[in-house]
C-alpha cells in the first residue's frame, strides 16, 4: 500500500504542479507550489514556493516539518528551533544542488547526441 507522502512524491516526480494553501498568522491565505518533500535529521520536511505574493517575486521558499495524522492527512508544523532550521535549510540546498546537477547532466547528454 502506498502512503500519501509517496503519492505526493510520485506526483512531484511526474512534474505535476501540486499546491498547498497556507493560513498565515495575519489571516491571509497564501497558495504555494509544493517543491519537494525531503528527509533531514531523521524527520520529513516540505518546501513550498508562494505563487501569488510579494514573496513569490523574491523567490522565497517556505520550509515546514511534514507529518501525517492517523488518517494519513498531511500536517505542516513550523520549525521553531534555529539549529533544526539550519539542518533543514542545508538539506534543501543539497536537494537544489542535486537537481541542478541532474539538469546539467541531462543537458550534456542531449548535447552529445
PDB file of N, CA and C in Angstrom:
ATOM      1  N   UNK A   1       0.841  -1.188   0.000  1.00  0.00           N
ATOM      2  CA  UNK A   1       0.000   0.000   0.000  1.00  0.00           C
ATOM      3  C   UNK A   1       0.882   1.246   0.000  1.00  0.00           C
ATOM      4  N   UNK A   2       0.578   2.195  -0.852  1.00  0.00           N
ATOM      5  CA  UNK A   2       1.350   3.426  -0.966  1.00  0.00           C
ATOM      6  C   UNK A   2       0.767   4.471  -0.020  1.00  0.00           C
ATOM      7  N   UNK A   3       1.625   5.111   0.790  1.00  0.00           N
ATOM      8  CA  UNK A   3       1.106   6.144   1.672  1.00  0.00           C
ATOM      9  C   UNK A   3       1.000   7.477   0.934  1.00  0.00           C
ATOM     10  N   UNK A   4       0.358   8.439   1.575  1.00  0.00           N
ATOM     11  CA  UNK A   4       0.084   9.732   0.939  1.00  0.00           C
ATOM     12  C   UNK A   4       1.368  10.449   0.543  1.00  0.00           C
ATOM     13  N   UNK A   5       2.431  10.347   1.368  1.00  0.00           N
ATOM     14  CA  UNK A   5       3.694  11.004   1.055  1.00  0.00           C
ATOM     15  C   UNK A   5       4.259  10.458  -0.252  1.00  0.00           C
ATOM     16  N   UNK A   6       4.180   9.121  -0.439  1.00  0.00           N
ATOM     17  CA  UNK A   6       4.661   8.535  -1.685  1.00  0.00           C
ATOM     18  C   UNK A   6       3.846   9.041  -2.876  1.00  0.00           C
ATOM     19  N   UNK A   7       2.537   9.156  -2.707  1.00  0.00           N
ATOM     20  CA  UNK A   7       1.685   9.673  -3.780  1.00  0.00           C
ATOM     21  C   UNK A   7       2.085  11.101  -4.129  1.00  0.00           C
ATOM     22  N   UNK A   8       2.311  11.935  -3.097  1.00  0.00           N
ATOM     23  CA  UNK A   8       2.716  13.318  -3.342  1.00  0.00           C
ATOM     24  C   UNK A   8       4.041  13.322  -4.093  1.00  0.00           C
ATOM     25  N   UNK A   9       5.007  12.518  -3.638  1.00  0.00           N
ATOM     26  CA  UNK A   9       6.313  12.488  -4.287  1.00  0.00           C
ATOM     27  C   UNK A   9       6.201  11.971  -5.719  1.00  0.00           C
ATOM     28  N   UNK A  10       5.319  10.963  -5.954  1.00  0.00           N
ATOM     29  CA  UNK A  10       5.115  10.470  -7.321  1.00  0.00           C
ATOM     30  C   UNK A  10       4.601  11.590  -8.208  1.00  0.00           C
ATOM     31  N   UNK A  11       3.654  12.351  -7.705  1.00  0.00           N
ATOM     32  CA  UNK A  11       3.111  13.466  -8.485  1.00  0.00           C
ATOM     33  C   UNK A  11       4.175  14.519  -8.738  1.00  0.00           C
ATOM     34  N   UNK A  12       5.006  14.778  -7.729  1.00  0.00           N
ATOM     35  CA  UNK A  12       6.082  15.747  -7.910  1.00  0.00           C
ATOM     36  C   UNK A  12       7.063  15.240  -8.960  1.00  0.00           C
ATOM     37  N   UNK A  13       7.367  13.947  -8.906  1.00  0.00           N
ATOM     38  CA  UNK A  13       8.298  13.362  -9.863  1.00  0.00           C
ATOM     39  C   UNK A  13       7.746  13.432 -11.279  1.00  0.00           C
ATOM     40  N   UNK A  14       6.425  13.353 -11.416  1.00  0.00           N
ATOM     41  CA  UNK A  14       5.798  13.438 -12.729  1.00  0.00           C
ATOM     42  C   UNK A  14       5.664  14.891 -13.185  1.00  0.00           C
ATOM     43  N   UNK A  15       6.164  15.817 -12.359  1.00  0.00           N
ATOM     44  CA  UNK A  15       6.182  17.244 -12.640  1.00  0.00           C
ATOM     45  C   UNK A  15       4.784  17.843 -12.750  1.00  0.00           C
ATOM     46  N   UNK A  16       3.816  17.221 -12.070  1.00  0.00           N
ATOM     47  CA  UNK A  16       2.514  17.844 -11.941  1.00  0.00           C
ATOM     48  C   UNK A  16       2.648  18.880 -10.837  1.00  0.00           C
ATOM     49  N   UNK A  17       1.965  19.989 -10.996  1.00  0.00           N
ATOM     50  CA  UNK A  17       2.080  21.058 -10.011  1.00  0.00           C
ATOM     51  C   UNK A  17       1.078  20.836  -8.890  1.00  0.00           C
ATOM     52  N   UNK A  18       1.597  20.480  -7.707  1.00  0.00           N
ATOM     53  CA  UNK A  18       0.748  20.311  -6.532  1.00  0.00           C
ATOM     54  C   UNK A  18       0.813  21.599  -5.728  1.00  0.00           C
ATOM     55  N   UNK A  19      -0.313  21.978  -5.149  1.00  0.00           N
ATOM     56  CA  UNK A  19      -0.339  23.203  -4.366  1.00  0.00           C
ATOM     57  C   UNK A  19      -0.873  22.947  -2.964  1.00  0.00           C
ATOM     58  N   UNK A  20      -0.524  23.873  -2.068  1.00  0.00           N
ATOM     59  CA  UNK A  20      -0.974  23.869  -0.687  1.00  0.00           C
ATOM     60  C   UNK A  20      -1.390  25.297  -0.369  1.00  0.00           C
ATOM     61  N   UNK A  21      -2.479  25.463   0.376  1.00  0.00           N
ATOM     62  CA  UNK A  21      -2.885  26.783   0.822  1.00  0.00           C
ATOM     63  C   UNK A  21      -2.495  26.942   2.281  1.00  0.00           C
ATOM     64  N   UNK A  22      -1.635  27.929   2.558  1.00  0.00           N
ATOM     65  CA  UNK A  22      -1.209  28.223   3.925  1.00  0.00           C
ATOM     66  C   UNK A  22      -2.102  29.299   4.514  1.00  0.00           C
ATOM     67  N   UNK A  23      -2.470  29.144   5.773  1.00  0.00           N
ATOM     68  CA  UNK A  23      -3.175  30.192   6.514  1.00  0.00           C
ATOM     69  C   UNK A  23      -2.129  30.900   7.365  1.00  0.00           C
ATOM     70  N   UNK A  24      -1.848  32.149   7.032  1.00  0.00           N
ATOM     71  CA  UNK A  24      -0.801  32.903   7.716  1.00  0.00           C
ATOM     72  C   UNK A  24      -1.325  33.513   9.008  1.00  0.00           C
ATOM     73  N   UNK A  25      -0.386  33.909   9.883  1.00  0.00           N
ATOM     74  CA  UNK A  25      -0.747  34.481  11.182  1.00  0.00           C
ATOM     75  C   UNK A  25      -1.589  35.743  11.056  1.00  0.00           C
ATOM     76  N   UNK A  26      -1.401  36.506   9.963  1.00  0.00           N
ATOM     77  CA  UNK A  26      -2.144  37.751   9.801  1.00  0.00           C
ATOM     78  C   UNK A  26      -3.527  37.536   9.157  1.00  0.00           C
ATOM     79  N   UNK A  27      -3.925  36.258   9.012  1.00  0.00           N
ATOM     80  CA  UNK A  27      -5.251  35.958   8.479  1.00  0.00           C
ATOM     81  C   UNK A  27      -5.301  35.754   6.970  1.00  0.00           C
ATOM     82  N   UNK A  28      -4.198  36.082   6.275  1.00  0.00           N
ATOM     83  CA  UNK A  28      -4.175  35.886   4.825  1.00  0.00           C
ATOM     84  C   UNK A  28      -3.987  34.411   4.498  1.00  0.00           C
ATOM     85  N   UNK A  29      -4.439  34.057   3.306  1.00  0.00           N
ATOM     86  CA  UNK A  29      -4.160  32.726   2.792  1.00  0.00           C
ATOM     87  C   UNK A  29      -3.196  32.872   1.633  1.00  0.00           C
ATOM     88  N   UNK A  30      -2.255  31.940   1.551  1.00  0.00           N
ATOM     89  CA  UNK A  30      -1.207  32.016   0.550  1.00  0.00           C
ATOM     90  C   UNK A  30      -1.118  30.679  -0.176  1.00  0.00           C
ATOM     91  N   UNK A  31      -1.354  30.701  -1.475  1.00  0.00           N
ATOM     92  CA  UNK A  31      -1.258  29.495  -2.306  1.00  0.00           C
ATOM     93  C   UNK A  31       0.214  29.260  -2.652  1.00  0.00           C
ATOM     94  N   UNK A  32       0.676  28.032  -2.422  1.00  0.00           N
ATOM     95  CA  UNK A  32       2.074  27.682  -2.671  1.00  0.00           C
ATOM     96  C   UNK A  32       2.176  26.415  -3.501  1.00  0.00           C
ATOM     97  N   UNK A  33       3.216  26.347  -4.311  1.00  0.00           N
ATOM     98  CA  UNK A  33       3.547  25.140  -5.057  1.00  0.00           C
ATOM     99  C   UNK A  33       4.427  24.271  -4.163  1.00  0.00           C
ATOM    100  N   UNK A  34       4.133  22.968  -4.123  1.00  0.00           N
ATOM    101  CA  UNK A  34       4.974  22.026  -3.386  1.00  0.00           C
ATOM    102  C   UNK A  34       6.197  21.734  -4.250  1.00  0.00           C
ATOM    103  N   UNK A  35       7.373  22.122  -3.764  1.00  0.00           N
ATOM    104  CA  UNK A  35       8.608  21.861  -4.492  1.00  0.00           C
ATOM    105  C   UNK A  35       9.087  20.431  -4.274  1.00  0.00           C
ATOM    106  N   UNK A  36       9.096  20.011  -3.007  1.00  0.00           N
ATOM    107  CA  UNK A  36       9.545  18.659  -2.682  1.00  0.00           C
ATOM    108  C   UNK A  36       9.239  18.347  -1.226  1.00  0.00           C
ATOM    109  N   UNK A  37       9.241  17.062  -0.921  1.00  0.00           N
ATOM    110  CA  UNK A  37       9.226  16.561   0.452  1.00  0.00           C
ATOM    111  C   UNK A  37      10.545  15.818   0.604  1.00  0.00           C
ATOM    112  N   UNK A  38      11.286  16.133   1.651  1.00  0.00           N
ATOM    113  CA  UNK A  38      12.637  15.591   1.778  1.00  0.00           C
ATOM    114  C   UNK A  38      12.967  15.276   3.235  1.00  0.00           C
ATOM    115  N   UNK A  39      13.870  14.309   3.443  1.00  0.00           N
ATOM    116  CA  UNK A  39      14.282  13.968   4.814  1.00  0.00           C
ATOM    117  C   UNK A  39      15.435  14.856   5.277  1.00  0.00           C
ATOM    118  N   UNK A  40      15.463  15.118   6.574  1.00  0.00           N
ATOM    119  CA  UNK A  40      16.590  15.832   7.193  1.00  0.00           C
ATOM    120  C   UNK A  40      16.548  15.558   8.692  1.00  0.00           C
ATOM    121  N   UNK A  41      17.671  15.180   9.250  1.00  0.00           N
ATOM    122  CA  UNK A  41      17.763  14.975  10.694  1.00  0.00           C
ATOM    123  C   UNK A  41      16.771  13.967  11.238  1.00  0.00           C
ATOM    124  N   UNK A  42      16.426  12.951  10.449  1.00  0.00           N
ATOM    125  CA  UNK A  42      15.525  11.909  10.929  1.00  0.00           C
ATOM    126  C   UNK A  42      14.048  12.244  10.823  1.00  0.00           C
ATOM    127  N   UNK A  43      13.710  13.359  10.201  1.00  0.00           N
ATOM    128  CA  UNK A  43      12.305  13.760  10.019  1.00  0.00           C
ATOM    129  C   UNK A  43      12.058  14.096   8.561  1.00  0.00           C
ATOM    130  N   UNK A  44      10.790  14.312   8.229  1.00  0.00           N
ATOM    131  CA  UNK A  44      10.409  14.715   6.877  1.00  0.00           C
ATOM    132  C   UNK A  44      10.064  16.210   6.890  1.00  0.00           C
ATOM    133  N   UNK A  45      10.408  16.893   5.795  1.00  0.00           N
ATOM    134  CA  UNK A  45      10.125  18.322   5.651  1.00  0.00           C
ATOM    135  C   UNK A  45       9.552  18.571   4.262  1.00  0.00           C
ATOM    136  N   UNK A  46       8.896  19.720   4.126  1.00  0.00           N
ATOM    137  CA  UNK A  46       8.307  20.098   2.850  1.00  0.00           C
ATOM    138  C   UNK A  46       8.777  21.504   2.493  1.00  0.00           C
ATOM    139  N   UNK A  47       9.056  21.713   1.215  1.00  0.00           N
ATOM    140  CA  UNK A  47       9.484  23.026   0.714  1.00  0.00           C
ATOM    141  C   UNK A  47       8.364  23.569  -0.168  1.00  0.00           C
ATOM    142  N   UNK A  48       7.928  24.793   0.135  1.00  0.00           N
ATOM    143  CA  UNK A  48       6.822  25.429  -0.576  1.00  0.00           C
ATOM    144  C   UNK A  48       7.267  26.755  -1.182  1.00  0.00           C
ATOM    145  N   UNK A  49       6.821  27.014  -2.404  1.00  0.00           N
ATOM    146  CA  UNK A  49       7.132  28.263  -3.101  1.00  0.00           C
ATOM    147  C   UNK A  49       5.832  29.030  -3.315  1.00  0.00           C
ATOM    148  N   UNK A  50       5.700  30.251  -2.740  1.00  0.00           N
ATOM    149  CA  UNK A  50       4.479  31.042  -2.923  1.00  0.00           C
ATOM    150  C   UNK A  50       4.223  31.343  -4.397  1.00  0.00           C
ATOM    151  N   UNK A  51       2.938  31.366  -4.773  1.00  0.00           N
ATOM    152  CA  UNK A  51       2.566  31.603  -6.162  1.00  0.00           C
ATOM    153  C   UNK A  51       2.196  33.063  -6.430  1.00  0.00           C
ATOM    154  N   UNK A  52       1.361  33.650  -5.578  1.00  0.00           N
ATOM    155  CA  UNK A  52       0.800  34.972  -5.861  1.00  0.00           C
ATOM    156  C   UNK A  52       1.026  35.934  -4.710  1.00  0.00           C
ATOM    157  N   UNK A  53       2.257  36.289  -4.460  1.00  0.00           N
ATOM    158  CA  UNK A  53       2.523  37.184  -3.344  1.00  0.00           C
ATOM    159  C   UNK A  53       3.866  37.852  -3.563  1.00  0.00           C
ATOM    160  N   UNK A  54       4.156  38.843  -2.713  1.00  0.00           N
ATOM    161  CA  UNK A  54       5.452  39.503  -2.817  1.00  0.00           C
ATOM    162  C   UNK A  54       6.592  38.504  -2.639  1.00  0.00           C
ATOM    163  N   UNK A  55       6.379  37.506  -1.757  1.00  0.00           N
ATOM    164  CA  UNK A  55       7.406  36.501  -1.529  1.00  0.00           C
ATOM    165  C   UNK A  55       7.721  35.727  -2.804  1.00  0.00           C
ATOM    166  N   UNK A  56       6.722  35.546  -3.666  1.00  0.00           N
ATOM    167  CA  UNK A  56       6.933  34.815  -4.916  1.00  0.00           C
ATOM    168  C   UNK A  56       7.922  35.560  -5.800  1.00  0.00           C
ATOM    169  N   UNK A  57       7.813  36.884  -5.825  1.00  0.00           N
ATOM    170  CA  UNK A  57       8.721  37.686  -6.637  1.00  0.00           C
ATOM    171  C   UNK A  57      10.150  37.600  -6.121  1.00  0.00           C
ATOM    172  N   UNK A  58      10.295  37.431  -4.801  1.00  0.00           N
ATOM    173  CA  UNK A  58      11.621  37.345  -4.199  1.00  0.00           C
ATOM    174  C   UNK A  58      12.180  35.932  -4.253  1.00  0.00           C
ATOM    175  N   UNK A  59      11.372  34.956  -4.673  1.00  0.00           N
ATOM    176  CA  UNK A  59      11.824  33.571  -4.731  1.00  0.00           C
ATOM    177  C   UNK A  59      11.977  32.928  -3.366  1.00  0.00           C
ATOM    178  N   UNK A  60      11.278  33.465  -2.361  1.00  0.00           N
ATOM    179  CA  UNK A  60      11.377  32.935  -1.010  1.00  0.00           C
ATOM    180  C   UNK A  60      10.688  31.576  -0.928  1.00  0.00           C
ATOM    181  N   UNK A  61      11.352  30.615  -0.302  1.00  0.00           N
ATOM    182  CA  UNK A  61      10.816  29.272  -0.124  1.00  0.00           C
ATOM    183  C   UNK A  61      10.497  29.093   1.353  1.00  0.00           C
ATOM    184  N   UNK A  62       9.324  28.500   1.620  1.00  0.00           N
ATOM    185  CA  UNK A  62       8.927  28.193   2.995  1.00  0.00           C
ATOM    186  C   UNK A  62       9.236  26.739   3.292  1.00  0.00           C
ATOM    187  N   UNK A  63       9.861  26.485   4.442  1.00  0.00           N
ATOM    188  CA  UNK A  63      10.188  25.132   4.882  1.00  0.00           C
ATOM    189  C   UNK A  63       9.384  24.816   6.135  1.00  0.00           C
ATOM    190  N   UNK A  64       8.734  23.647   6.130  1.00  0.00           N
ATOM    191  CA  UNK A  64       7.923  23.207   7.265  1.00  0.00           C
ATOM    192  C   UNK A  64       8.235  21.756   7.578  1.00  0.00           C
ATOM    193  N   UNK A  65       8.027  21.387   8.836  1.00  0.00           N
ATOM    194  CA  UNK A  65       8.094  19.987   9.226  1.00  0.00           C
ATOM    195  C   UNK A  65       6.840  19.325   8.650  1.00  0.00           C
ATOM    196  N   UNK A  66       7.014  18.143   8.058  1.00  0.00           N
ATOM    197  CA  UNK A  66       5.913  17.446   7.406  1.00  0.00           C
ATOM    198  C   UNK A  66       5.627  16.141   8.146  1.00  0.00           C
ATOM    199  N   UNK A  67       4.375  15.949   8.573  1.00  0.00           N
ATOM    200  CA  UNK A  67       3.941  14.701   9.195  1.00  0.00           C
ATOM    201  C   UNK A  67       2.566  14.360   8.644  1.00  0.00           C
ATOM    202  N   UNK A  68       2.081  13.194   9.020  1.00  0.00           N
ATOM    203  CA  UNK A  68       0.725  12.790   8.658  1.00  0.00           C
ATOM    204  C   UNK A  68      -0.001  12.376   9.917  1.00  0.00           C
ATOM    205  N   UNK A  69      -1.305  12.690   9.979  1.00  0.00           N
ATOM    206  CA  UNK A  69      -2.106  12.289  11.135  1.00  0.00           C
ATOM    207  C   UNK A  69      -2.515  10.822  10.994  1.00  0.00           C
ATOM    208  N   UNK A  70      -3.320  10.340  11.939  1.00  0.00           N
ATOM    209  CA  UNK A  70      -3.721   8.930  11.953  1.00  0.00           C
ATOM    210  C   UNK A  70      -4.478   8.517  10.695  1.00  0.00           C
ATOM    211  N   UNK A  71      -5.159   9.482  10.050  1.00  0.00           N
ATOM    212  CA  UNK A  71      -5.908   9.193   8.820  1.00  0.00           C
ATOM    213  C   UNK A  71      -5.052   9.376   7.568  1.00  0.00           C
ATOM    214  N   UNK A  72      -3.781   9.715   7.748  1.00  0.00           N
ATOM    215  CA  UNK A  72      -2.896   9.895   6.600  1.00  0.00           C
ATOM    216  C   UNK A  72      -2.979  11.280   5.973  1.00  0.00           C
ATOM    217  N   UNK A  73      -3.621  12.223   6.662  1.00  0.00           N
ATOM    218  CA  UNK A  73      -3.720  13.581   6.143  1.00  0.00           C
ATOM    219  C   UNK A  73      -2.434  14.343   6.465  1.00  0.00           C
ATOM    220  N   UNK A  74      -1.906  15.089   5.498  1.00  0.00           N
ATOM    221  CA  UNK A  74      -0.671  15.850   5.735  1.00  0.00           C
ATOM    222  C   UNK A  74      -0.870  16.930   6.795  1.00  0.00           C
ATOM    223  N   UNK A  75       0.151  17.105   7.610  1.00  0.00           N
ATOM    224  CA  UNK A  75       0.173  18.186   8.601  1.00  0.00           C
ATOM    225  C   UNK A  75       1.504  18.910   8.484  1.00  0.00           C
ATOM    226  N   UNK A  76       1.453  20.233   8.517  1.00  0.00           N
ATOM    227  CA  UNK A  76       2.664  21.051   8.469  1.00  0.00           C
ATOM    228  C   UNK A  76       2.857  21.710   9.817  1.00  0.00           C
ATOM    229  N   UNK A  77       4.094  21.701  10.296  1.00  0.00           N
ATOM    230  CA  UNK A  77       4.421  22.336  11.572  1.00  0.00           C
ATOM    231  C   UNK A  77       5.550  23.326  11.351  1.00  0.00           C
ATOM    232  N   UNK A  78       5.476  24.450  12.053  1.00  0.00           N
ATOM    233  CA  UNK A  78       6.559  25.433  11.991  1.00  0.00           C
ATOM    234  C   UNK A  78       7.832  24.841  12.578  1.00  0.00           C
ATOM    235  N   UNK A  79       8.953  25.277  12.043  1.00  0.00           N
ATOM    236  CA  UNK A  79      10.259  24.903  12.585  1.00  0.00           C
ATOM    237  C   UNK A  79      10.656  26.039  13.525  1.00  0.00           C
ATOM    238  N   UNK A  80      10.612  25.770  14.822  1.00  0.00           N
ATOM    239  CA  UNK A  80      10.833  26.808  15.829  1.00  0.00           C
ATOM    240  C   UNK A  80      12.298  26.954  16.222  1.00  0.00           C
ATOM    241  N   UNK A  81      13.063  25.872  16.130  1.00  0.00           N
ATOM    242  CA  UNK A  81      14.432  25.826  16.612  1.00  0.00           C
ATOM    243  C   UNK A  81      15.411  26.241  15.513  1.00  0.00           C
ATOM    244  N   UNK A  82      16.303  27.182  15.812  1.00  0.00           N
ATOM    245  CA  UNK A  82      17.278  27.659  14.830  1.00  0.00           C
ATOM    246  C   UNK A  82      18.196  26.536  14.335  1.00  0.00           C
ATOM    247  N   UNK A  83      18.618  25.675  15.240  1.00  0.00           N
ATOM    248  CA  UNK A  83      19.512  24.577  14.867  1.00  0.00           C
ATOM    249  C   UNK A  83      18.807  23.622  13.899  1.00  0.00           C
ATOM    250  N   UNK A  84      17.545  23.287  14.207  1.00  0.00           N
ATOM    251  CA  UNK A  84      16.773  22.419  13.313  1.00  0.00           C
ATOM    252  C   UNK A  84      16.600  23.084  11.948  1.00  0.00           C
ATOM    253  N   UNK A  85      16.323  24.394  11.957  1.00  0.00           N
ATOM    254  CA  UNK A  85      16.128  25.100  10.692  1.00  0.00           C
ATOM    255  C   UNK A  85      17.395  25.057   9.840  1.00  0.00           C
ATOM    256  N   UNK A  86      18.553  25.220  10.460  1.00  0.00           N
ATOM    257  CA  UNK A  86      19.817  25.170   9.715  1.00  0.00           C
ATOM    258  C   UNK A  86      20.019  23.804   9.070  1.00  0.00           C
ATOM    259  N   UNK A  87      19.696  22.735   9.803  1.00  0.00           N
ATOM    260  CA  UNK A  87      19.817  21.376   9.257  1.00  0.00           C
ATOM    261  C   UNK A  87      18.894  21.222   8.049  1.00  0.00           C
ATOM    262  N   UNK A  88      17.665  21.703   8.184  1.00  0.00           N
ATOM    263  CA  UNK A  88      16.672  21.588   7.108  1.00  0.00           C
ATOM    264  C   UNK A  88      17.085  22.435   5.903  1.00  0.00           C
ATOM    265  N   UNK A  89      17.523  23.662   6.148  1.00  0.00           N
ATOM    266  CA  UNK A  89      17.931  24.547   5.051  1.00  0.00           C
ATOM    267  C   UNK A  89      19.122  23.949   4.301  1.00  0.00           C
ATOM    268  N   UNK A  90      20.083  23.373   5.029  1.00  0.00           N
ATOM    269  CA  UNK A  90      21.231  22.733   4.380  1.00  0.00           C
ATOM    270  C   UNK A  90      20.789  21.545   3.527  1.00  0.00           C
ATOM    271  N   UNK A  91      19.857  20.735   4.054  1.00  0.00           N
ATOM    272  CA  UNK A  91      19.367  19.573   3.297  1.00  0.00           C
ATOM    273  C   UNK A  91      18.626  20.037   2.046  1.00  0.00           C
ATOM    274  N   UNK A  92      17.860  21.127   2.149  1.00  0.00           N
ATOM    275  CA  UNK A  92      17.144  21.646   0.982  1.00  0.00           C
ATOM    276  C   UNK A  92      18.141  22.185  -0.048  1.00  0.00           C
ATOM    277  N   UNK A  93      19.186  22.866   0.412  1.00  0.00           N
ATOM    278  CA  UNK A  93      20.226  23.352  -0.508  1.00  0.00           C
ATOM    279  C   UNK A  93      20.889  22.185  -1.244  1.00  0.00           C
ATOM    280  N   UNK A  94      21.156  21.094  -0.518  1.00  0.00           N
ATOM    281  CA  UNK A  94      21.730  19.905  -1.158  1.00  0.00           C
ATOM    282  C   UNK A  94      20.782  19.347  -2.205  1.00  0.00           C
ATOM    283  N   UNK A  95      19.474  19.344  -1.899  1.00  0.00           N
ATOM    284  CA  UNK A  95      18.474  18.900  -2.872  1.00  0.00           C
ATOM    285  C   UNK A  95      18.540  19.770  -4.119  1.00  0.00           C
ATOM    286  N   UNK A  96      18.594  21.089  -3.932  1.00  0.00           N
ATOM    287  CA  UNK A  96      18.658  22.006  -5.079  1.00  0.00           C
ATOM    288  C   UNK A  96      19.922  21.761  -5.894  1.00  0.00           C
ATOM    289  N   UNK A  97      21.042  21.566  -5.205  1.00  0.00           N
ATOM    290  CA  UNK A  97      22.297  21.286  -5.910  1.00  0.00           C
ATOM    291  C   UNK A  97      22.193  20.013  -6.734  1.00  0.00           C
ATOM    292  N   UNK A  98      21.574  18.981  -6.177  1.00  0.00           N
ATOM    293  CA  UNK A  98      21.440  17.718  -6.915  1.00  0.00           C
ATOM    294  C   UNK A  98      20.516  17.889  -8.114  1.00  0.00           C
ATOM    295  N   UNK A  99      19.474  18.716  -7.974  1.00  0.00           N
ATOM    296  CA  UNK A  99      18.564  18.972  -9.085  1.00  0.00           C
ATOM    297  C   UNK A  99      19.296  19.703 -10.205  1.00  0.00           C
ATOM    298  N   UNK A 100      20.097  20.702  -9.838  1.00  0.00           N
ATOM    299  CA  UNK A 100      20.867  21.440 -10.841  1.00  0.00           C
ATOM    300  C   UNK A 100      21.851  20.514 -11.537  1.00  0.00           C
ATOM    301  N   UNK A 101      22.485  19.614 -10.775  1.00  0.00           N
ATOM    302  CA  UNK A 101      23.421  18.660 -11.362  1.00  0.00           C
ATOM    303  C   UNK A 101      22.689  17.745 -12.342  1.00  0.00           C
ATOM    304  N   UNK A 102      21.514  17.240 -11.916  1.00  0.00           N
ATOM    305  CA  UNK A 102      20.733  16.368 -12.791  1.00  0.00           C
ATOM    306  C   UNK A 102      20.358  17.085 -14.079  1.00  0.00           C
ATOM    307  N   UNK A 103      19.984  18.361 -13.972  1.00  0.00           N
ATOM    308  CA  UNK A 103      19.618  19.129 -15.158  1.00  0.00           C
ATOM    309  C   UNK A 103      20.832  19.326 -16.066  1.00  0.00           C
ATOM    310  N   UNK A 104      21.989  19.617 -15.465  1.00  0.00           N
ATOM    311  CA  UNK A 104      23.205  19.807 -16.252  1.00  0.00           C
ATOM    312  C   UNK A 104      23.613  18.518 -16.947  1.00  0.00           C
ATOM    313  N   UNK A 105      23.560  17.412 -16.224  1.00  0.00           N
ATOM    314  CA  UNK A 105      23.914  16.128 -16.811  1.00  0.00           C
ATOM    315  C   UNK A 105      22.945  15.807 -17.937  1.00  0.00           C
ATOM    316  N   UNK A 106      21.660  16.046 -17.712  1.00  0.00           N
ATOM    317  CA  UNK A 106      20.658  15.797 -18.745  1.00  0.00           C
ATOM    318  C   UNK A 106      20.901  16.633 -19.980  1.00  0.00           C
ATOM    319  N   UNK A 107      21.264  17.896 -19.806  1.00  0.00           N
ATOM    320  CA  UNK A 107      21.551  18.777 -20.940  1.00  0.00           C
ATOM    321  C   UNK A 107      22.811  18.325 -21.670  1.00  0.00           C
ATOM    322  N   UNK A 108      23.845  17.924 -20.908  1.00  0.00           N
ATOM    323  CA  UNK A 108      25.076  17.455 -21.533  1.00  0.00           C
ATOM    324  C   UNK A 108      24.832  16.206 -22.370  1.00  0.00           C
ATOM    325  N   UNK A 109      24.020  15.297 -21.869  1.00  0.00           N
ATOM    326  CA  UNK A 109      23.710  14.078 -22.607  1.00  0.00           C
ATOM    327  C   UNK A 109      22.983  14.417 -23.899  1.00  0.00           C
ATOM    328  N   UNK A 110      22.096  15.418 -23.847  1.00  0.00           N
ATOM    329  CA  UNK A 110      21.371  15.816 -25.056  1.00  0.00           C
ATOM    330  C   UNK A 110      22.325  16.446 -26.075  1.00  0.00           C
ATOM    331  N   UNK A 111      23.286  17.236 -25.550  1.00  0.00           N
ATOM    332  CA  UNK A 111      24.255  17.896 -26.450  1.00  0.00           C
ATOM    333  C   UNK A 111      25.132  16.882 -27.168  1.00  0.00           C
ATOM    334  N   UNK A 112      25.420  15.737 -26.494  1.00  0.00           N
ATOM    335  CA  UNK A 112      26.302  14.747 -27.073  1.00  0.00           C
ATOM    336  C   UNK A 112      25.646  13.930 -28.173  1.00  0.00           C
ATOM    337  N   UNK A 113      24.319  13.904 -28.210  1.00  0.00           N
ATOM    338  CA  UNK A 113      23.609  13.073 -29.209  1.00  0.00           C
ATOM    339  C   UNK A 113      23.603  13.660 -30.564  1.00  0.00           C
TER     340      UNK A 113
END
